[in-house]
Amino acid sequence: MYTALTIAGSDSSGGAGIQADIKTMMAHGIYAMSAVTALTAQNTTGVADILEVTPDFLEKQLDCVFTDIFPDAVKIGMIPSAGLIEVTADSLLRHRARNIVLDPVMVATSGARLTDLQAVEALKEKLLPGADLVTPNIPEAEVLSGMKIKDGEDMEEAAGKIGDTYGCAVLCKGGHQLNDANDLLYRKGSFKWFKGKRIDNPNTHGTGCTLSSAIASNLARGMEMEAAVGLAKEYLSKALADMLDLGHGRGPMNHAFAVRDWRGDAANEK
């Protein structure tokens, strides 16, 4: 069985973070493991509080995973402080992790800030250079590139800057009132657009976590980068199109849209 590790924060409402990552990986037939960076008290309406783990405890989690069940891919999500970022970067380098997908989570869908300024600088210095792929949305790409993004040409310039500066592939995600969910992959000096149709669904909690975890799952299976991104984008679209509607705010999507009830047809008929 293929394996993957998610390094991220816990979402008590289950729609984003570690929980979304594990659901996504399982939907792709991947054995999922986790290293928790922080506990969050949150739901679809916002983040009430964040409790970080200590750097020593995060390091122990990572060592336990890598020395027992070595992951075929690693997805990195919210890491709220510089100390935790440094421990993560050092551990990934020491254990020679592969297929690293970094989702540079800075702000939650609800608008709550999830990382401080020191953490952003540590992310640039420590994590980006070791990643195989980074998946920023438009606001995150603006922070990482140091420029405003207003259109597709700006996306290409920003993705090129990020990729050339840090030596990684970049998936610059559209949306945020910029385009109809068209994403741009910059890799080894070339660009590829992944066209997407905007789905009229306000429940978008955890979309970034889900997409990056789906890409990591596909890379774990040995797919090439372009194929991994394209298939992950298709999975995300179908999870959104299932139109799950839970909670009083921006709800989660249905990660298990293609999963059958394990009890079988007899149970479903009752």
Protein backbone atom coordinates (compact mmCIF):
# COMPACT_ATOMS: atom_id res chain seq x y z
CA MET A 1 0.00 0.00 0.00
CA TYR A 2 1.18 3.52 -0.78
CA THR A 3 1.66 5.83 2.20
CA ALA A 4 1.60 9.57 2.87
CA LEU A 5 2.23 11.84 5.83
CA THR A 6 0.40 15.08 6.58
CA ILE A 7 2.08 17.69 8.77
CA ALA A 8 -0.60 20.20 9.71
CA GLY A 9 -3.02 21.50 12.31
CA SER A 10 -6.12 19.72 13.56
CA ASP A 11 -9.54 21.12 12.60
CA SER A 12 -12.11 20.23 15.26
CA SER A 13 -14.94 20.61 12.71
CA GLY A 14 -13.31 18.07 10.39
CA GLY A 15 -13.42 20.06 7.16
CA ALA A 16 -9.82 21.22 6.83
CA GLY A 17 -6.36 20.51 8.22
CA ILE A 18 -5.32 17.05 9.33
CA GLN A 19 -8.85 15.71 9.09
CA ALA A 20 -9.38 16.83 5.49
CA ASP A 21 -5.94 15.51 4.56
CA ILE A 22 -6.60 12.05 5.97
CA LYS A 23 -10.04 11.85 4.34
CA THR A 24 -8.55 12.85 0.99
CA MET A 25 -5.68 10.39 1.22
CA MET A 26 -8.03 7.55 2.16
CA ALA A 27 -10.30 8.42 -0.77
CA HIS A 28 -7.22 7.95 -2.99
CA GLY A 29 -6.40 4.55 -1.49
CA ILE A 30 -3.42 5.90 0.44
CA TYR A 31 -2.47 4.91 3.98
CA ALA A 32 -2.44 8.26 5.81
CA MET A 33 -0.26 9.26 8.76
CA SER A 34 -0.11 12.56 10.60
CA ALA A 35 2.09 14.85 12.65
CA VAL A 36 -0.02 17.48 14.41
CA THR A 37 1.44 20.98 14.60
CA ALA A 38 -1.43 22.58 16.49
CA LEU A 39 -4.92 22.00 17.83
CA THR A 40 -7.53 24.46 16.65
CA ALA A 41 -10.93 25.16 18.15
CA GLN A 42 -12.87 26.01 15.01
CA ASN A 43 -15.97 25.38 12.97
CA THR A 44 -17.39 26.59 9.67
CA THR A 45 -17.84 30.12 11.04
CA GLY A 46 -14.29 30.74 12.20
CA VAL A 47 -11.30 29.89 14.38
CA ALA A 48 -11.86 30.41 18.12
CA ASP A 49 -8.40 29.43 19.37
CA ILE A 50 -5.11 27.73 18.45
CA LEU A 51 -2.92 25.64 20.75
CA GLU A 52 0.50 24.82 19.31
CA VAL A 53 2.44 21.67 20.12
CA THR A 54 6.03 22.11 21.29
CA PRO A 55 8.87 21.78 18.77
CA ASP A 56 10.24 18.77 20.68
CA PHE A 57 6.90 16.96 20.50
CA LEU A 58 6.52 17.66 16.77
CA GLU A 59 10.02 16.31 16.19
CA LYS A 60 9.14 13.13 18.11
CA GLN A 61 6.02 12.63 15.98
CA LEU A 62 8.05 12.99 12.79
CA ASP A 63 10.81 10.66 13.97
CA CYS A 64 8.27 8.01 14.96
CA VAL A 65 6.66 8.09 11.51
CA PHE A 66 9.82 8.15 9.41
CA THR A 67 11.64 5.42 11.35
CA ASP A 68 8.72 2.99 11.13
CA ILE A 69 6.44 3.55 8.11
CA PHE A 70 8.36 5.70 5.65
CA PRO A 71 5.92 7.89 3.67
CA ASP A 72 5.90 7.87 -0.12
CA ALA A 73 4.84 11.54 -0.03
CA VAL A 74 4.55 14.36 2.49
CA LYS A 75 1.93 17.10 2.58
CA ILE A 76 2.66 20.16 4.72
CA GLY A 77 -0.16 22.44 5.83
CA MET A 78 -0.49 24.90 8.70
CA ILE A 79 2.65 25.33 10.80
CA PRO A 80 1.95 28.36 12.97
CA SER A 81 5.39 29.33 14.30
CA ALA A 82 9.00 29.64 13.21
CA GLY A 83 10.24 27.10 15.75
CA LEU A 84 7.89 24.42 14.47
CA ILE A 85 8.84 25.22 10.87
CA GLU A 86 12.54 24.84 11.65
CA VAL A 87 11.97 21.45 13.32
CA THR A 88 9.89 20.28 10.36
CA ALA A 89 12.48 21.36 7.79
CA ASP A 90 15.34 19.76 9.72
CA SER A 91 13.43 16.49 10.16
CA LEU A 92 12.45 16.24 6.49
CA LEU A 93 16.06 16.84 5.46
CA ARG A 94 17.45 14.37 8.00
CA HIS A 95 15.03 11.62 6.98
CA ARG A 96 15.41 12.37 3.26
CA ALA A 97 11.68 12.83 2.72
CA ARG A 98 10.42 12.70 -0.87
CA ASN A 99 7.49 14.09 -2.85
CA ILE A 100 6.98 17.07 -0.52
CA VAL A 101 3.90 19.19 -1.27
CA LEU A 102 3.77 22.45 0.68
CA ASP A 103 0.47 24.28 1.09
CA PRO A 104 1.65 27.60 2.58
CA VAL A 105 -1.37 28.14 4.83
CA MET A 106 -1.38 31.68 6.17
CA VAL A 107 -5.05 32.62 6.50
CA ALA A 108 -8.11 30.40 7.04
CA THR A 109 -11.09 30.49 4.68
CA SER A 110 -12.93 32.38 7.43
CA GLY A 111 -10.26 35.12 7.38
CA ALA A 112 -8.45 34.19 10.62
CA ARG A 113 -4.66 34.54 10.47
CA LEU A 114 -2.99 31.18 11.14
CA THR A 115 0.71 32.06 10.98
CA ASP A 116 2.71 35.02 12.29
CA LEU A 117 5.20 37.09 10.31
CA GLN A 118 8.23 35.28 11.74
CA ALA A 119 6.71 32.00 10.62
CA VAL A 120 6.26 33.32 7.07
CA GLU A 121 9.94 34.26 6.91
CA ALA A 122 10.97 30.86 8.29
CA LEU A 123 8.73 29.18 5.74
CA LYS A 124 10.50 31.04 2.94
CA GLU A 125 13.96 30.28 4.29
CA LYS A 126 13.53 26.71 5.55
CA LEU A 127 10.62 24.91 3.91
CA LEU A 128 10.23 26.30 0.40
CA PRO A 129 13.73 25.33 -0.80
CA GLY A 130 13.11 21.69 0.18
CA ALA A 131 9.64 21.35 -1.33
CA ASP A 132 8.91 19.61 -4.61
CA LEU A 133 5.72 21.64 -5.08
CA VAL A 134 4.23 24.67 -3.35
CA THR A 135 0.51 25.43 -3.79
CA PRO A 136 -0.25 29.08 -2.89
CA ASN A 137 -3.57 30.79 -3.48
CA ILE A 138 -3.52 34.34 -4.82
CA PRO A 139 -2.99 36.15 -1.47
CA GLU A 140 -0.28 33.66 -0.48
CA ALA A 141 1.42 33.95 -3.87
CA GLU A 142 1.48 37.73 -3.40
CA VAL A 143 3.27 37.33 -0.07
CA LEU A 144 5.78 34.82 -1.44
CA SER A 145 6.50 36.75 -4.65
CA GLY A 146 6.33 40.27 -3.21
CA MET A 147 4.00 41.50 -5.97
CA LYS A 148 0.32 42.19 -6.56
CA ILE A 149 -1.57 39.72 -8.76
CA LYS A 150 -4.40 41.10 -10.85
CA ASP A 151 -4.61 38.79 -13.86
CA GLY A 152 -3.23 35.68 -15.53
CA GLU A 153 -0.04 37.40 -16.65
CA ASP A 154 0.64 38.42 -13.06
CA MET A 155 0.07 34.82 -11.97
CA GLU A 156 2.71 33.66 -14.44
CA GLU A 157 5.19 36.30 -13.26
CA ALA A 158 4.57 35.51 -9.59
CA ALA A 159 4.79 31.74 -10.08
CA GLY A 160 8.03 32.17 -12.01
CA LYS A 161 9.49 34.35 -9.27
CA ILE A 162 8.59 31.90 -6.54
CA GLY A 163 9.80 28.86 -8.46
CA ASP A 164 13.08 30.42 -9.56
CA THR A 165 13.80 31.87 -6.12
CA TYR A 166 13.20 28.69 -4.15
CA GLY A 167 13.90 25.99 -6.73
CA CYS A 168 10.52 24.26 -6.55
CA ALA A 169 7.51 23.73 -8.76
CA VAL A 170 4.64 26.15 -8.09
CA LEU A 171 0.90 25.65 -8.48
CA CYS A 172 -0.59 29.13 -8.31
CA LYS A 173 -4.29 28.63 -7.58
CA GLY A 174 -6.87 30.89 -9.21
CA GLY A 175 -10.15 31.94 -7.70
CA HIS A 176 -10.26 34.79 -5.18
CA GLN A 177 -12.32 36.76 -7.72
CA LEU A 178 -9.47 36.58 -10.24
CA ASN A 179 -10.68 33.92 -12.66
CA ASP A 180 -12.91 30.88 -12.99
CA ALA A 181 -10.77 28.57 -10.85
CA ASN A 182 -7.97 28.28 -13.41
CA ASP A 183 -4.72 27.11 -11.80
CA LEU A 184 -1.20 27.63 -13.13
CA LEU A 185 1.66 25.16 -12.77
CA TYR A 186 5.20 26.50 -13.16
CA ARG A 187 7.84 23.81 -13.35
CA LYS A 188 11.39 23.80 -14.74
CA GLY A 189 10.90 27.03 -16.64
CA SER A 190 7.60 26.13 -18.30
CA PHE A 191 3.96 26.96 -17.60
CA LYS A 192 0.83 24.82 -17.82
CA TRP A 193 -2.68 26.09 -17.20
CA PHE A 194 -5.30 23.81 -15.68
CA LYS A 195 -8.67 25.17 -16.67
CA GLY A 196 -11.49 24.90 -14.18
CA LYS A 197 -15.14 25.80 -14.07
CA ARG A 198 -16.22 27.69 -11.00
CA ILE A 199 -18.74 25.60 -9.04
CA ASP A 200 -21.54 27.59 -7.46
CA ASN A 201 -21.02 26.22 -3.97
CA PRO A 202 -20.32 28.54 -1.00
CA ASN A 203 -19.07 25.60 1.07
CA THR A 204 -15.34 25.76 0.37
CA HIS A 205 -13.90 25.02 3.82
CA GLY A 206 -10.69 23.04 3.35
CA THR A 207 -10.30 23.32 -0.43
CA GLY A 208 -6.58 24.13 -0.23
CA CYS A 209 -5.89 21.28 2.18
CA THR A 210 -7.83 18.88 0.01
CA LEU A 211 -6.14 19.81 -3.27
CA SER A 212 -2.61 19.60 -1.86
CA SER A 213 -3.36 16.27 -0.17
CA ALA A 214 -4.80 14.87 -3.39
CA ILE A 215 -1.65 15.93 -5.27
CA ALA A 216 0.56 14.33 -2.60
CA SER A 217 -1.51 11.14 -2.84
CA ASN A 218 -1.02 10.99 -6.59
CA LEU A 219 2.71 11.65 -6.28
CA ALA A 220 2.91 8.84 -3.71
CA ARG A 221 1.53 6.53 -6.39
CA GLY A 222 4.36 7.53 -8.71
CA MET A 223 2.50 9.92 -11.01
CA GLU A 224 4.32 12.69 -12.82
CA MET A 225 3.67 16.19 -11.50
CA GLU A 226 1.32 17.37 -14.26
CA ALA A 227 -0.81 14.24 -14.09
CA ALA A 228 -0.90 14.41 -10.28
CA VAL A 229 -2.13 18.01 -10.37
CA GLY A 230 -4.71 17.41 -13.08
CA LEU A 231 -6.26 14.41 -11.34
CA ALA A 232 -6.25 16.18 -7.98
CA LYS A 233 -8.07 19.14 -9.46
CA GLU A 234 -10.70 16.79 -10.88
CA TYR A 235 -11.17 15.17 -7.46
CA LEU A 236 -11.61 18.56 -5.79
CA SER A 237 -14.19 19.63 -8.36
CA LYS A 238 -16.24 16.48 -7.83
CA ALA A 239 -16.06 16.82 -4.04
CA LEU A 240 -17.40 20.38 -4.34
CA ALA A 241 -20.01 19.44 -6.94
CA ASP A 242 -21.50 16.90 -4.52
CA MET A 243 -22.98 19.98 -2.76
CA LEU A 244 -22.65 18.82 0.84
CA ASP A 245 -24.22 21.46 3.09
CA LEU A 246 -23.22 21.35 6.78
CA GLY A 247 -22.75 24.07 9.38
CA HIS A 248 -23.72 27.72 9.65
CA GLY A 249 -20.75 29.18 7.78
CA ARG A 250 -18.55 28.06 4.90
CA GLY A 251 -19.08 24.34 5.20
CA PRO A 252 -16.90 21.39 4.16
CA MET A 253 -17.05 19.44 0.93
CA ASN A 254 -17.78 15.72 0.64
CA HIS A 255 -14.38 14.01 0.48
CA ALA A 256 -16.10 10.62 0.30
CA PHE A 257 -18.37 11.35 -2.67
CA ALA A 258 -17.21 8.16 -4.41
CA VAL A 259 -17.00 5.91 -1.33
CA ARG A 260 -19.69 3.22 -0.90
CA ASP A 261 -21.24 2.45 2.44
CA TRP A 262 -19.20 -0.51 3.73
CA ARG A 263 -22.39 -2.24 4.95
CA GLY A 264 -23.38 -2.89 1.35
CA ASP A 265 -26.61 -2.61 -0.59
CA ALA A 266 -28.74 -4.43 1.98
CA ALA A 267 -28.07 -1.76 4.59
CA ASN A 268 -28.68 1.03 2.11
CA GLU A 269 -32.11 -0.34 1.24
CA LYS A 270 -33.39 -0.10 4.82
